[in-house]
C-alpha atoms as a PDB file:
ATOM      1  CA  MET A   1      20.136   7.733  -4.565  1.00  0.00           C
ATOM      2  CA  ALA A   2      16.732   9.385  -4.194  1.00  0.00           C
ATOM      3  CA  LEU A   3      14.281   8.844  -7.015  1.00  0.00           C
ATOM      4  CA  THR A   4      10.867  10.454  -7.469  1.00  0.00           C
ATOM      5  CA  PHE A   5       8.023   9.761  -9.865  1.00  0.00           C
ATOM      6  CA  GLU A   6       6.452  13.025 -11.046  1.00  0.00           C
ATOM      7  CA  LEU A   7       2.888  12.879 -12.343  1.00  0.00           C
ATOM      8  CA  TYR A   8       1.738  15.759 -14.557  1.00  0.00           C
ATOM      9  CA  LYS A   9      -0.560  16.779 -17.408  1.00  0.00           C
ATOM     10  CA  ASP A  10       0.952  17.588 -20.782  1.00  0.00           C
ATOM     11  CA  LYS A  11      -0.171  20.364 -23.161  1.00  0.00           C
ATOM     12  CA  ALA A  12      -2.805  18.062 -24.661  1.00  0.00           C
ATOM     13  CA  GLY A  13      -4.310  17.459 -21.216  1.00  0.00           C
ATOM     14  CA  GLU A  14      -3.071  13.872 -20.987  1.00  0.00           C
ATOM     15  CA  HIS A  15      -1.502  12.463 -17.835  1.00  0.00           C
ATOM     16  CA  ARG A  16       2.168  11.535 -17.986  1.00  0.00           C
ATOM     17  CA  TRP A  17       4.904  10.533 -15.558  1.00  0.00           C
ATOM     18  CA  ARG A  18       8.657  10.911 -15.354  1.00  0.00           C
ATOM     19  CA  LEU A  19      11.191   9.328 -13.019  1.00  0.00           C
ATOM     20  CA  LYS A  20      13.683  11.880 -11.702  1.00  0.00           C
ATOM     21  CA  HIS A  21      16.879  11.543  -9.713  1.00  0.00           C
ATOM     22  CA  SER A  22      17.437  13.936  -6.812  1.00  0.00           C
ATOM     23  CA  ASN A  23      20.058  15.727  -8.939  1.00  0.00           C
ATOM     24  CA  GLY A  24      17.298  16.700 -11.418  1.00  0.00           C
ATOM     25  CA  ASN A  25      18.167  14.241 -14.184  1.00  0.00           C
ATOM     26  CA  VAL A  26      15.202  12.536 -15.836  1.00  0.00           C
ATOM     27  CA  LEU A  27      15.849   8.789 -15.893  1.00  0.00           C
ATOM     28  CA  ALA A  28      12.634   7.596 -17.558  1.00  0.00           C
ATOM     29  CA  THR A  29       9.393   8.975 -18.959  1.00  0.00           C
ATOM     30  CA  SER A  30       6.050   7.561 -19.982  1.00  0.00           C
ATOM     31  CA  SER A  31       6.100   6.722 -23.673  1.00  0.00           C
ATOM     32  CA  GLU A  32       2.473   7.717 -24.022  1.00  0.00           C
ATOM     33  CA  GLY A  33      -0.082  10.071 -22.561  1.00  0.00           C
ATOM     34  CA  TYR A  34      -2.816   8.532 -20.420  1.00  0.00           C
ATOM     35  CA  SER A  35      -6.437   9.660 -20.540  1.00  0.00           C
ATOM     36  CA  SER A  36      -6.851   9.303 -16.777  1.00  0.00           C
ATOM     37  CA  LYS A  37      -4.730   9.845 -13.702  1.00  0.00           C
ATOM     38  CA  ALA A  38      -5.540   6.295 -12.577  1.00  0.00           C
ATOM     39  CA  ALA A  39      -4.123   4.871 -15.812  1.00  0.00           C
ATOM     40  CA  ALA A  40      -0.916   6.888 -15.395  1.00  0.00           C
ATOM     41  CA  LEU A  41      -0.566   5.663 -11.809  1.00  0.00           C
ATOM     42  CA  LYS A  42      -1.014   2.094 -13.077  1.00  0.00           C
ATOM     43  CA  GLY A  43       1.818   2.743 -15.546  1.00  0.00           C
ATOM     44  CA  ILE A  44       4.034   3.851 -12.659  1.00  0.00           C
ATOM     45  CA  GLU A  45       3.146   0.690 -10.719  1.00  0.00           C
ATOM     46  CA  ASN A  46       4.041  -1.432 -13.767  1.00  0.00           C
ATOM     47  CA  VAL A  47       7.470   0.214 -13.941  1.00  0.00           C
ATOM     48  CA  LYS A  48       8.025  -0.319 -10.222  1.00  0.00           C
ATOM     49  CA  ALA A  49       7.057  -3.987 -10.517  1.00  0.00           C
ATOM     50  CA  SER A  50       9.396  -4.660 -13.443  1.00  0.00           C
ATOM     51  CA  ALA A  51      12.345  -2.596 -12.185  1.00  0.00           C
ATOM     52  CA  ASP A  52      14.164  -5.818 -11.284  1.00  0.00           C
ATOM     53  CA  ALA A  53      14.520  -6.678 -14.988  1.00  0.00           C
ATOM     54  CA  PRO A  54      17.769  -8.102 -16.350  1.00  0.00           C
ATOM     55  CA  VAL A  55      20.109  -6.144 -18.612  1.00  0.00           C
ATOM     56  CA  VAL A  56      20.274  -7.469 -22.169  1.00  0.00           C
ATOM     57  CA  GLU A  57      22.958  -6.406 -24.631  1.00  0.00           C
ATOM     58  CA  VAL A  58      21.703  -5.905 -28.172  1.00  0.00           C
END
């Protein structure tokens, strides 16, 4: 399974990211726009660091 983080600017000029599978499906997106590219990259790093989270049924 090949995953890629895409970093882009939205229509408002804010930085956002999305996690895409190699088949084109979007698996996750940033829930907010970031004012800087560095902040968006930090958001990606936070997701990478917490990707080993448990599954909780609600």
